[in-house]
C-alpha atoms as a PDB file:
ATOM      1  CA  MET A   1      -5.220  -0.835  14.698  1.00  0.00           C
ATOM      2  CA  TYR A   2      -6.592  -0.684  18.093  1.00  0.00           C
ATOM      3  CA  ASN A   3     -10.064  -0.715  19.718  1.00  0.00           C
ATOM      4  CA  PHE A   4     -12.115   2.855  19.550  1.00  0.00           C
ATOM      5  CA  HIS A   5     -13.508   2.469  23.051  1.00  0.00           C
ATOM      6  CA  PHE A   6     -10.332   1.185  24.466  1.00  0.00           C
ATOM      7  CA  ILE A   7      -7.727   4.170  23.173  1.00  0.00           C
ATOM      8  CA  SER A   8     -10.555   6.581  24.480  1.00  0.00           C
ATOM      9  CA  SER A   9     -10.352   4.822  28.195  1.00  0.00           C
ATOM     10  CA  LEU A  10      -7.068   4.727  27.873  1.00  0.00           C
ATOM     11  CA  PHE A  11      -6.354   8.624  27.437  1.00  0.00           C
ATOM     12  CA  TYR A  12      -9.469   9.471  30.131  1.00  0.00           C
ATOM     13  CA  GLU A  13      -7.908   6.954  31.813  1.00  0.00           C
ATOM     14  CA  THR A  14      -4.380   8.909  31.983  1.00  0.00           C
ATOM     15  CA  LEU A  15      -6.039  12.193  31.645  1.00  0.00           C
ATOM     16  CA  PHE A  16      -7.731  11.936  34.717  1.00  0.00           C
ATOM     17  CA  THR A  17      -5.660  10.883  37.048  1.00  0.00           C
ATOM     18  CA  PHE A  18      -2.868  12.812  36.163  1.00  0.00           C
ATOM     19  CA  PRO A  19      -2.327  14.868  39.769  1.00  0.00           C
ATOM     20  CA  PHE A  20      -3.837  18.688  38.158  1.00  0.00           C
ATOM     21  CA  PRO A  21      -3.897  21.399  41.328  1.00  0.00           C
ATOM     22  CA  SER A  22      -7.340  21.529  41.211  1.00  0.00           C
ATOM     23  CA  PHE A  23      -9.777  19.679  38.369  1.00  0.00           C
ATOM     24  CA  ASN A  24     -12.546  20.654  39.659  1.00  0.00           C
ATOM     25  CA  ASN A  25     -12.230  24.507  38.836  1.00  0.00           C
ATOM     26  CA  LEU A  26     -10.952  23.244  34.893  1.00  0.00           C
ATOM     27  CA  ASN A  27     -12.829  24.638  32.247  1.00  0.00           C
ATOM     28  CA  PHE A  28     -14.407  21.782  29.284  1.00  0.00           C
ATOM     29  CA  ASN A  29     -14.900  23.016  26.558  1.00  0.00           C
ATOM     30  CA  PRO A  30     -16.282  20.442  23.954  1.00  0.00           C
ATOM     31  CA  SER A  31     -14.171  21.537  21.198  1.00  0.00           C
ATOM     32  CA  PHE A  32     -11.661  19.232  20.740  1.00  0.00           C
ATOM     33  CA  ASN A  33     -11.928  16.414  18.077  1.00  0.00           C
ATOM     34  CA  PHE A  34      -9.665  13.423  20.231  1.00  0.00           C
ATOM     35  CA  MET A  35      -9.930  10.218  16.934  1.00  0.00           C
ATOM     36  CA  GLY A  36     -13.975  11.150  16.289  1.00  0.00           C
ATOM     37  CA  LEU A  37     -14.529  12.280  20.235  1.00  0.00           C
ATOM     38  CA  ARG A  38     -14.851  15.287  20.691  1.00  0.00           C
ATOM     39  CA  PHE A  39     -13.873  16.329  24.606  1.00  0.00           C
ATOM     40  CA  SER A  40     -12.111  19.992  25.425  1.00  0.00           C
ATOM     41  CA  SER A  41      -8.225  20.749  25.200  1.00  0.00           C
ATOM     42  CA  PHE A  42      -7.732  22.338  28.525  1.00  0.00           C
ATOM     43  CA  LEU A  43      -8.608  26.252  29.340  1.00  0.00           C
ATOM     44  CA  SER A  44      -8.660  26.917  26.130  1.00  0.00           C
ATOM     45  CA  ASN A  45     -10.445  30.393  26.640  1.00  0.00           C
ATOM     46  CA  SER A  46     -10.355  33.387  28.040  1.00  0.00           C
ATOM     47  CA  THR A  47     -12.382  32.742  31.261  1.00  0.00           C
ATOM     48  CA  VAL A  48     -10.500  30.567  33.095  1.00  0.00           C
ATOM     49  CA  SER A  49      -6.784  31.738  33.050  1.00  0.00           C
ATOM     50  CA  SER A  50      -4.757  29.997  35.436  1.00  0.00           C
ATOM     51  CA  GLY A  51      -4.069  26.453  36.070  1.00  0.00           C
ATOM     52  CA  PRO A  52      -2.829  23.006  34.472  1.00  0.00           C
ATOM     53  CA  THR A  53      -3.055  22.098  30.999  1.00  0.00           C
ATOM     54  CA  LEU A  54      -3.950  19.156  28.027  1.00  0.00           C
ATOM     55  CA  GLY A  55      -0.588  20.244  27.099  1.00  0.00           C
ATOM     56  CA  GLU A  56       0.821  19.825  30.620  1.00  0.00           C
ATOM     57  CA  LEU A  57       0.420  15.823  30.244  1.00  0.00           C
ATOM     58  CA  PRO A  58       4.417  14.521  30.248  1.00  0.00           C
ATOM     59  CA  GLU A  59       5.230  13.999  26.746  1.00  0.00           C
ATOM     60  CA  SER A  60       6.276   9.938  28.104  1.00  0.00           C
ATOM     61  CA  CYS A  61       2.626  10.003  28.763  1.00  0.00           C
ATOM     62  CA  VAL A  62       1.016  11.400  25.230  1.00  0.00           C
ATOM     63  CA  ALA A  63       3.467   9.023  23.800  1.00  0.00           C
ATOM     64  CA  SER A  64       2.458   5.090  25.410  1.00  0.00           C
ATOM     65  CA  ILE A  65      -0.816   6.337  24.849  1.00  0.00           C
ATOM     66  CA  ILE A  66      -0.733   7.459  21.058  1.00  0.00           C
ATOM     67  CA  ALA A  67       1.235   4.542  20.524  1.00  0.00           C
ATOM     68  CA  TYR A  68      -1.798   2.133  20.374  1.00  0.00           C
ATOM     69  CA  MET A  69      -3.002   4.096  17.726  1.00  0.00           C
ATOM     70  CA  ASP A  70      -2.566   3.746  13.072  1.00  0.00           C
ATOM     71  CA  PRO A  71       0.228   6.619  11.835  1.00  0.00           C
ATOM     72  CA  PRO A  72      -2.193   8.642   9.912  1.00  0.00           C
ATOM     73  CA  GLN A  73      -3.536   9.187  13.485  1.00  0.00           C
ATOM     74  CA  ILE A  74      -0.504   9.595  15.215  1.00  0.00           C
ATOM     75  CA  CYS A  75      -0.243  12.837  12.289  1.00  0.00           C
ATOM     76  CA  GLN A  76      -2.773  14.557  13.551  1.00  0.00           C
ATOM     77  CA  LEU A  77      -2.353  14.775  16.911  1.00  0.00           C
ATOM     78  CA  ALA A  78       1.221  15.965  16.182  1.00  0.00           C
ATOM     79  CA  THR A  79      -0.726  19.416  15.763  1.00  0.00           C
ATOM     80  CA  LEU A  80      -2.694  19.806  18.598  1.00  0.00           C
ATOM     81  CA  ASN A  81       0.486  21.504  20.325  1.00  0.00           C
ATOM     82  CA  ARG A  82       3.774  20.349  21.577  1.00  0.00           C
ATOM     83  CA  ALA A  83       3.500  18.129  24.033  1.00  0.00           C
ATOM     84  CA  PHE A  84       1.719  15.727  21.669  1.00  0.00           C
ATOM     85  CA  ARG A  85       4.020  17.012  18.662  1.00  0.00           C
ATOM     86  CA  ALA A  86       7.276  15.921  20.902  1.00  0.00           C
ATOM     87  CA  ALA A  87       5.929  12.611  21.999  1.00  0.00           C
ATOM     88  CA  SER A  88       4.904  11.797  18.009  1.00  0.00           C
ATOM     89  CA  SER A  89       8.651  11.815  17.251  1.00  0.00           C
ATOM     90  CA  ALA A  90       9.545   9.323  20.076  1.00  0.00           C
ATOM     91  CA  ASP A  91      11.229   6.602  18.545  1.00  0.00           C
ATOM     92  CA  PHE A  92      10.044   3.414  20.424  1.00  0.00           C
ATOM     93  CA  VAL A  93       6.740   5.429  19.071  1.00  0.00           C
ATOM     94  CA  TRP A  94       7.199   4.475  14.840  1.00  0.00           C
ATOM     95  CA  GLU A  95       9.475   1.848  15.892  1.00  0.00           C
ATOM     96  CA  SER A  96       6.791  -0.770  16.164  1.00  0.00           C
ATOM     97  CA  LYS A  97       5.165   0.883  13.161  1.00  0.00           C
ATOM     98  CA  LEU A  98       7.689  -0.043  10.867  1.00  0.00           C
ATOM     99  CA  PRO A  99       8.332  -3.782   9.552  1.00  0.00           C
ATOM    100  CA  PRO A 100       9.928  -6.129  12.201  1.00  0.00           C
ATOM    101  CA  ASN A 101      13.008  -6.375   8.975  1.00  0.00           C
ATOM    102  CA  TYR A 102      12.774  -2.796   7.840  1.00  0.00           C
ATOM    103  CA  LEU A 103      16.930  -2.813   8.322  1.00  0.00           C
ATOM    104  CA  LEU A 104      16.693  -5.706   5.959  1.00  0.00           C
ATOM    105  CA  LEU A 105      14.449  -3.460   3.313  1.00  0.00           C
ATOM    106  CA  LEU A 106      16.691  -0.221   3.669  1.00  0.00           C
ATOM    107  CA  ALA A 107      19.074  -2.257   2.985  1.00  0.00           C
ATOM    108  CA  LYS A 108      17.710  -3.387  -0.047  1.00  0.00           C
ATOM    109  CA  ILE A 109      16.101   0.151  -0.718  1.00  0.00           C
ATOM    110  CA  PHE A 110      18.469   2.642  -0.677  1.00  0.00           C
ATOM    111  CA  GLN A 111      22.562   2.325  -1.416  1.00  0.00           C
ATOM    112  CA  ASP A 112      22.986   4.670   0.905  1.00  0.00           C
ATOM    113  CA  PHE A 113      21.267   5.540   3.441  1.00  0.00           C
ATOM    114  CA  PRO A 114      21.744   8.076   6.978  1.00  0.00           C
ATOM    115  CA  ILE A 115      22.280   5.715   9.588  1.00  0.00           C
ATOM    116  CA  ASN A 116      21.311   8.710  12.081  1.00  0.00           C
ATOM    117  CA  LEU A 117      17.608   9.767  10.946  1.00  0.00           C
ATOM    118  CA  GLY A 118      15.069   8.892  13.795  1.00  0.00           C
ATOM    119  CA  LYS A 119      12.048   6.217  13.624  1.00  0.00           C
ATOM    120  CA  ARG A 120      10.024   8.494  12.059  1.00  0.00           C
ATOM    121  CA  ASP A 121      11.997   9.653   9.319  1.00  0.00           C
ATOM    122  CA  ILE A 122      12.507   5.730   8.655  1.00  0.00           C
ATOM    123  CA  TYR A 123       9.143   5.038   8.317  1.00  0.00           C
ATOM    124  CA  THR A 124       8.375   7.962   5.762  1.00  0.00           C
ATOM    125  CA  SER A 125      10.960   7.125   3.641  1.00  0.00           C
ATOM    126  CA  LEU A 126      10.124   3.990   3.191  1.00  0.00           C
ATOM    127  CA  CYS A 127       6.429   5.153   2.400  1.00  0.00           C
ATOM    128  CA  ARG A 128       7.496   6.654  -0.190  1.00  0.00           C
ATOM    129  CA  LEU A 129       6.733   4.945  -3.848  1.00  0.00           C
ATOM    130  CA  ASN A 130      11.118   3.687  -3.894  1.00  0.00           C
ATOM    131  CA  SER A 131      12.509   2.490  -7.457  1.00  0.00           C
ATOM    132  CA  LEU A 132      13.967  -0.554  -7.843  1.00  0.00           C
ATOM    133  CA  ASP A 133      16.196  -2.702 -10.241  1.00  0.00           C
ATOM    134  CA  GLY A 134      16.557   0.456 -12.817  1.00  0.00           C
ATOM    135  CA  GLY A 135      12.937   1.360 -11.735  1.00  0.00           C
ATOM    136  CA  THR A 136      10.913  -1.586 -13.009  1.00  0.00           C
ATOM    137  CA  LYS A 137       9.709  -2.265  -9.913  1.00  0.00           C
ATOM    138  CA  LYS A 138       8.455  -0.121  -7.668  1.00  0.00           C
ATOM    139  CA  VAL A 139       8.453  -0.850  -3.453  1.00  0.00           C
ATOM    140  CA  TRP A 140       6.394   1.097  -0.057  1.00  0.00           C
ATOM    141  CA  VAL A 141       5.102   0.925   2.650  1.00  0.00           C
ATOM    142  CA  ASP A 142       1.365   1.553   3.128  1.00  0.00           C
ATOM    143  CA  LYS A 143       1.331   4.387   4.911  1.00  0.00           C
ATOM    144  CA  GLY A 144      -1.748   3.644   7.032  1.00  0.00           C
ATOM    145  CA  THR A 145      -1.084  -0.454   7.971  1.00  0.00           C
ATOM    146  CA  GLY A 146       2.514  -0.042   7.407  1.00  0.00           C
ATOM    147  CA  LYS A 147       2.139  -2.600   5.431  1.00  0.00           C
ATOM    148  CA  LEU A 148       4.655  -3.527   3.056  1.00  0.00           C
ATOM    149  CA  CYS A 149       3.120  -3.143  -1.036  1.00  0.00           C
ATOM    150  CA  LEU A 150       5.155  -3.774  -4.670  1.00  0.00           C
ATOM    151  CA  ALA A 151       4.726  -3.608  -7.977  1.00  0.00           C
ATOM    152  CA  ILE A 152       6.755  -4.994 -11.479  1.00  0.00           C
ATOM    153  CA  SER A 153       5.924  -2.717 -14.502  1.00  0.00           C
ATOM    154  CA  SER A 154       4.939  -4.640 -17.396  1.00  0.00           C
ATOM    155  CA  SER A 155       8.401  -2.735 -19.536  1.00  0.00           C
ATOM    156  CA  LYS A 156      10.959  -4.644 -18.871  1.00  0.00           C
ATOM    157  CA  GLY A 157       9.833  -5.719 -15.610  1.00  0.00           C
ATOM    158  CA  LEU A 158       8.190  -8.894 -16.724  1.00  0.00           C
ATOM    159  CA  SER A 159       8.520 -11.447 -19.529  1.00  0.00           C
ATOM    160  CA  ILE A 160       6.236 -11.153 -22.609  1.00  0.00           C
ATOM    161  CA  THR A 161       6.134 -13.500 -25.150  1.00  0.00           C
ATOM    162  CA  GLY A 162       6.891 -11.572 -28.851  1.00  0.00           C
ATOM    163  CA  VAL A 163       6.607  -8.138 -27.078  1.00  0.00           C
ATOM    164  CA  ASP A 164       9.465  -7.376 -29.511  1.00  0.00           C
ATOM    165  CA  ASP A 165       6.934  -7.606 -32.794  1.00  0.00           C
ATOM    166  CA  ARG A 166       5.549  -4.312 -33.280  1.00  0.00           C
ATOM    167  CA  ARG A 167       2.814  -6.060 -35.868  1.00  0.00           C
ATOM    168  CA  TYR A 168       1.336  -7.571 -32.346  1.00  0.00           C
ATOM    169  CA  TRP A 169       2.564  -5.075 -29.020  1.00  0.00           C
ATOM    170  CA  ASN A 170       3.238  -1.699 -28.368  1.00  0.00           C
ATOM    171  CA  TYR A 171       4.327   0.430 -25.067  1.00  0.00           C
ATOM    172  CA  ILE A 172       2.224   3.665 -24.733  1.00  0.00           C
ATOM    173  CA  ILE A 173       2.573   6.075 -22.562  1.00  0.00           C
ATOM    174  CA  THR A 174      -0.500   6.663 -20.252  1.00  0.00           C
ATOM    175  CA  GLU A 175      -0.775   8.811 -16.121  1.00  0.00           C
ATOM    176  CA  GLU A 176      -2.834   5.875 -15.297  1.00  0.00           C
ATOM    177  CA  SER A 177       0.067   4.355 -13.982  1.00  0.00           C
ATOM    178  CA  ARG A 178       3.036   4.094 -11.798  1.00  0.00           C
ATOM    179  CA  PHE A 179       5.207   3.723 -14.082  1.00  0.00           C
ATOM    180  CA  SER A 180       3.753   6.382 -16.861  1.00  0.00           C
ATOM    181  CA  THR A 181       4.270   3.456 -19.831  1.00  0.00           C
ATOM    182  CA  VAL A 182       1.749   0.320 -19.635  1.00  0.00           C
ATOM    183  CA  ALA A 183       2.114  -2.857 -22.639  1.00  0.00           C
ATOM    184  CA  TYR A 184      -0.759  -2.785 -25.427  1.00  0.00           C
ATOM    185  CA  LEU A 185      -1.422  -5.632 -27.079  1.00  0.00           C
ATOM    186  CA  GLN A 186      -3.916  -5.620 -30.956  1.00  0.00           C
ATOM    187  CA  HIS A 187      -3.432  -8.698 -31.286  1.00  0.00           C
ATOM    188  CA  THR A 188      -2.003 -12.289 -31.108  1.00  0.00           C
ATOM    189  CA  TRP A 189      -3.322 -16.315 -30.801  1.00  0.00           C
ATOM    190  CA  TRP A 190      -0.129 -16.919 -27.840  1.00  0.00           C
ATOM    191  CA  PHE A 191      -0.185 -14.911 -24.983  1.00  0.00           C
ATOM    192  CA  GLU A 192       2.321 -15.727 -22.030  1.00  0.00           C
ATOM    193  CA  VAL A 193       3.186 -13.295 -19.102  1.00  0.00           C
ATOM    194  CA  ASP A 194       6.393 -14.123 -16.299  1.00  0.00           C
ATOM    195  CA  GLY A 195       7.615 -12.802 -13.885  1.00  0.00           C
ATOM    196  CA  GLU A 196       9.878 -13.274 -10.625  1.00  0.00           C
ATOM    197  CA  ILE A 197      10.817 -11.384  -8.121  1.00  0.00           C
ATOM    198  CA  ASP A 198      13.314 -12.231  -5.223  1.00  0.00           C
ATOM    199  CA  PHE A 199      13.109  -9.421  -2.016  1.00  0.00           C
ATOM    200  CA  PRO A 200      13.090  -9.593   2.456  1.00  0.00           C
ATOM    201  CA  PHE A 201       9.426  -9.670   2.495  1.00  0.00           C
ATOM    202  CA  PRO A 202       7.951  -9.075   6.101  1.00  0.00           C
ATOM    203  CA  ALA A 203       6.835 -12.304   7.023  1.00  0.00           C
ATOM    204  CA  GLY A 204       3.137 -12.320   6.167  1.00  0.00           C
ATOM    205  CA  THR A 205       0.281 -13.682   3.790  1.00  0.00           C
ATOM    206  CA  TYR A 206       0.717 -11.767  -0.080  1.00  0.00           C
ATOM    207  CA  SER A 207      -1.165 -11.504  -2.546  1.00  0.00           C
ATOM    208  CA  LEU A 208      -0.146 -11.383  -6.301  1.00  0.00           C
ATOM    209  CA  PHE A 209      -2.716  -9.345  -8.782  1.00  0.00           C
ATOM    210  CA  PHE A 210      -2.644  -8.094 -12.640  1.00  0.00           C
ATOM    211  CA  ARG A 211      -3.559  -5.426 -13.269  1.00  0.00           C
ATOM    212  CA  ILE A 212      -5.337  -5.522 -16.653  1.00  0.00           C
ATOM    213  CA  HIS A 213      -7.332  -2.935 -18.667  1.00  0.00           C
ATOM    214  CA  LEU A 214      -9.743  -4.053 -21.549  1.00  0.00           C
ATOM    215  CA  GLY A 215      -9.269  -1.142 -24.017  1.00  0.00           C
ATOM    216  CA  ARG A 216      -7.326   2.051 -24.818  1.00  0.00           C
ATOM    217  CA  ALA A 217      -8.048   4.564 -22.842  1.00  0.00           C
ATOM    218  CA  TYR A 218      -6.851   8.282 -23.962  1.00  0.00           C
ATOM    219  CA  LYS A 219      -8.113  11.325 -23.864  1.00  0.00           C
ATOM    220  CA  ARG A 220      -9.885  13.898 -26.388  1.00  0.00           C
ATOM    221  CA  PHE A 221     -11.048  17.137 -25.371  1.00  0.00           C
ATOM    222  CA  GLY A 222      -9.871  16.294 -21.859  1.00  0.00           C
ATOM    223  CA  ARG A 223     -11.898  13.290 -21.036  1.00  0.00           C
ATOM    224  CA  ARG A 224     -11.288   9.795 -20.518  1.00  0.00           C
ATOM    225  CA  VAL A 225     -12.080   7.995 -24.221  1.00  0.00           C
ATOM    226  CA  CYS A 226     -11.945   4.120 -24.366  1.00  0.00           C
ATOM    227  CA  ASN A 227     -11.435   2.359 -27.796  1.00  0.00           C
ATOM    228  CA  THR A 228     -12.037  -1.120 -28.081  1.00  0.00           C
ATOM    229  CA  GLU A 229     -12.080  -2.136 -31.150  1.00  0.00           C
ATOM    230  CA  HIS A 230      -8.470  -4.159 -30.348  1.00  0.00           C
ATOM    231  CA  VAL A 231     -10.706  -6.421 -28.060  1.00  0.00           C
ATOM    232  CA  HIS A 232     -12.045  -9.736 -28.610  1.00  0.00           C
ATOM    233  CA  GLY A 233     -11.037 -13.348 -27.488  1.00  0.00           C
ATOM    234  CA  TRP A 234     -11.106 -13.065 -23.778  1.00  0.00           C
ATOM    235  CA  ASP A 235     -14.135 -14.487 -23.366  1.00  0.00           C
ATOM    236  CA  LYS A 236     -13.979 -17.481 -25.553  1.00  0.00           C
ATOM    237  CA  LYS A 237     -11.680 -19.286 -22.453  1.00  0.00           C
ATOM    238  CA  PRO A 238     -10.307 -18.469 -19.143  1.00  0.00           C
ATOM    239  CA  VAL A 239      -6.619 -16.912 -18.500  1.00  0.00           C
ATOM    240  CA  GLN A 240      -4.652 -19.578 -16.869  1.00  0.00           C
ATOM    241  CA  PHE A 241      -2.429 -18.070 -13.715  1.00  0.00           C
ATOM    242  CA  GLN A 242       0.440 -20.000 -11.810  1.00  0.00           C
ATOM    243  CA  LEU A 243       2.551 -18.763  -8.818  1.00  0.00           C
ATOM    244  CA  TRP A 244       5.400 -20.510  -7.614  1.00  0.00           C
ATOM    245  CA  THR A 245       7.141 -19.625  -3.826  1.00  0.00           C
ATOM    246  CA  SER A 246      11.120 -20.937  -3.188  1.00  0.00           C
ATOM    247  CA  ASP A 247       9.889 -22.831  -0.603  1.00  0.00           C
ATOM    248  CA  GLY A 248       7.883 -25.187  -1.943  1.00  0.00           C
ATOM    249  CA  GLN A 249       3.968 -22.634  -2.545  1.00  0.00           C
ATOM    250  CA  TYR A 250       2.014 -23.075  -5.408  1.00  0.00           C
ATOM    251  CA  VAL A 251      -1.575 -21.789  -6.483  1.00  0.00           C
ATOM    252  CA  ALA A 252      -2.795 -22.070  -9.617  1.00  0.00           C
ATOM    253  CA  SER A 253      -6.012 -20.019 -10.845  1.00  0.00           C
ATOM    254  CA  GLN A 254      -8.582 -19.098 -14.575  1.00  0.00           C
ATOM    255  CA  CYS A 255     -10.527 -16.872 -15.140  1.00  0.00           C
ATOM    256  CA  PHE A 256     -12.197 -14.578 -17.799  1.00  0.00           C
ATOM    257  CA  LEU A 257     -11.054 -11.377 -18.651  1.00  0.00           C
ATOM    258  CA  LYS A 258     -13.787  -8.791 -18.609  1.00  0.00           C
ATOM    259  CA  GLU A 259     -14.941  -5.206 -17.289  1.00  0.00           C
ATOM    260  CA  PRO A 260     -13.494  -3.657 -21.161  1.00  0.00           C
ATOM    261  CA  GLY A 261     -13.119   0.054 -20.228  1.00  0.00           C
ATOM    262  CA  ASN A 262     -11.872   0.129 -16.682  1.00  0.00           C
ATOM    263  CA  TRP A 263      -8.524  -1.317 -14.871  1.00  0.00           C
ATOM    264  CA  THR A 264      -9.589  -4.682 -13.108  1.00  0.00           C
ATOM    265  CA  PHE A 265      -6.612  -6.403 -10.094  1.00  0.00           C
ATOM    266  CA  TYR A 266      -7.063  -9.981 -11.488  1.00  0.00           C
ATOM    267  CA  HIS A 267      -5.839 -11.940  -8.056  1.00  0.00           C
ATOM    268  CA  ALA A 268      -3.619 -14.688  -9.400  1.00  0.00           C
ATOM    269  CA  GLY A 269      -2.637 -16.141  -5.723  1.00  0.00           C
ATOM    270  CA  ASP A 270      -1.769 -15.931  -2.100  1.00  0.00           C
ATOM    271  CA  PHE A 271       1.844 -17.006  -0.772  1.00  0.00           C
ATOM    272  CA  THR A 272       3.114 -17.190   3.354  1.00  0.00           C
ATOM    273  CA  VAL A 273       6.463 -15.294   4.258  1.00  0.00           C
ATOM    274  CA  GLU A 274       7.345 -17.353   7.170  1.00  0.00           C
ATOM    275  CA  ASP A 275      10.940 -15.590   7.512  1.00  0.00           C
ATOM    276  CA  GLY A 276      10.913 -12.155   7.118  1.00  0.00           C
ATOM    277  CA  HIS A 277      14.564 -11.928   7.812  1.00  0.00           C
ATOM    278  CA  SER A 278      15.425 -13.734   3.731  1.00  0.00           C
ATOM    279  CA  SER A 279      14.692 -13.641   0.952  1.00  0.00           C
ATOM    280  CA  THR A 280      11.956 -14.920  -1.197  1.00  0.00           C
ATOM    281  CA  LYS A 281      11.888 -15.739  -4.753  1.00  0.00           C
ATOM    282  CA  VAL A 282       8.223 -15.328  -6.419  1.00  0.00           C
ATOM    283  CA  LYS A 283       7.393 -16.807  -9.464  1.00  0.00           C
ATOM    284  CA  PHE A 284       3.936 -16.765 -11.403  1.00  0.00           C
ATOM    285  CA  SER A 285       2.714 -16.598 -15.019  1.00  0.00           C
ATOM    286  CA  MET A 286      -0.343 -15.210 -17.235  1.00  0.00           C
ATOM    287  CA  THR A 287      -1.009 -17.621 -19.977  1.00  0.00           C
ATOM    288  CA  GLN A 288      -3.734 -17.983 -22.363  1.00  0.00           C
ATOM    289  CA  ILE A 289      -2.101 -20.424 -25.157  1.00  0.00           C
ATOM    290  CA  ASP A 290      -5.042 -21.551 -27.428  1.00  0.00           C
ATOM    291  CA  CYS A 291      -4.225 -21.000 -30.379  1.00  0.00           C
ATOM    292  CA  THR A 292      -7.568 -21.897 -31.709  1.00  0.00           C
ATOM    293  CA  HIS A 293      -7.905 -18.102 -31.633  1.00  0.00           C
ATOM    294  CA  THR A 294      -7.245 -14.830 -30.967  1.00  0.00           C
ATOM    295  CA  LYS A 295      -7.318 -12.435 -28.970  1.00  0.00           C
ATOM    296  CA  GLY A 296      -6.213  -9.003 -28.223  1.00  0.00           C
ATOM    297  CA  GLY A 297      -7.099  -4.994 -26.949  1.00  0.00           C
ATOM    298  CA  LEU A 298      -5.515  -5.922 -23.623  1.00  0.00           C
ATOM    299  CA  CYS A 299      -3.497  -3.628 -21.671  1.00  0.00           C
ATOM    300  CA  LEU A 300      -1.146  -5.068 -19.319  1.00  0.00           C
ATOM    301  CA  ASP A 301      -0.426  -2.318 -16.538  1.00  0.00           C
ATOM    302  CA  SER A 302       1.930  -3.766 -13.305  1.00  0.00           C
ATOM    303  CA  ALA A 303       1.656  -7.020 -11.053  1.00  0.00           C
ATOM    304  CA  PHE A 304       1.493  -5.910  -8.088  1.00  0.00           C
ATOM    305  CA  ILE A 305       1.870  -7.549  -4.468  1.00  0.00           C
ATOM    306  CA  TYR A 306      -0.023  -7.097  -1.598  1.00  0.00           C
ATOM    307  CA  PRO A 307      -0.552  -8.146   2.203  1.00  0.00           C
ATOM    308  CA  SER A 308      -3.459 -10.794   1.366  1.00  0.00           C
ATOM    309  CA  GLU A 309      -5.418  -8.475   4.265  1.00  0.00           C
ATOM    310  CA  PHE A 310      -5.965  -5.383   1.609  1.00  0.00           C
ATOM    311  CA  LYS A 311      -8.260  -7.832  -0.178  1.00  0.00           C
ATOM    312  CA  LYS A 312     -11.068  -6.632   2.393  1.00  0.00           C
ATOM    313  CA  SER A 313     -10.006  -3.025   2.756  1.00  0.00           C
ATOM    314  CA  LYS A 314      -9.315  -1.786  -0.446  1.00  0.00           C
ATOM    315  CA  ALA A 315     -11.606  -1.701  -2.893  1.00  0.00           C
ATOM    316  CA  PHE A 316      -9.890  -1.061  -6.020  1.00  0.00           C
ATOM    317  CA  LEU A 317      -8.985  -4.719  -5.248  1.00  0.00           C
ATOM    318  CA  ASN A 318     -12.231  -5.532  -7.493  1.00  0.00           C
ATOM    319  CA  CYS A 319     -10.431  -9.118  -8.279  1.00  0.00           C
ATOM    320  CA  SER A 320     -12.005 -12.199 -10.521  1.00  0.00           C
END
């Protein structure tokens, strides 16, 4: 989140201006790792048995420093000693990591959320994979960035044309989905998937993806195997993606589906939320309705909404 040199210089400035009785007598043992920089926790061996230690830094001072760090770094420093552990629990440290509209998120996600929890516990609760609308949706805060993410299951969460006709579609159980079930298409002439979400997204720019797998994966003798016998038709015409928002945004795109045997995130479009304190309705679709040929052999897991910045930082978003 913040530049390493800025954080380390801030720590050193605070550390060396702290009023130690006799700084020249301190034993500096390069055994302490701080954000990749190895330096001493003072008086960590028996050669010097008196004098100030790193643990004597004021708790408020430590909290002010670690407030600039990312949550994983804060949790690592909490294991150093009591001062760091106590400072890492400070409400003002974690409130800066929470989404600005976290109170709205709590009301939307939890029916009866305890009001006496500290900000760190609230952050931890939001980072869990929380279910919405009967388990058809999952929402969580990315623990490293504090950004909101959301997934909509293909089972009941999305509207799929012909999904109830077992000649064309089936729901299969798999360990490769957050929802444990994916929709499998054997073949069809008319492929259409629609979705809708009304949610208080924090202000920012978001990207919508469809998670798709060409072929059907299963376990054989403990190894993953992919059956691609039904995969056909996706190389003849591209799939069309569309996205609408309640404030008038519209995006359309298209691409061919490819890479049988792998789960792939197909980028449908981006939208921007200006006001995180009101709900934003997003409608989206994925279609291939050219009836000159059939298509099939496709597993549809879910639709995902991630912060757009994740396209650069998350390797699994191998967008087409």
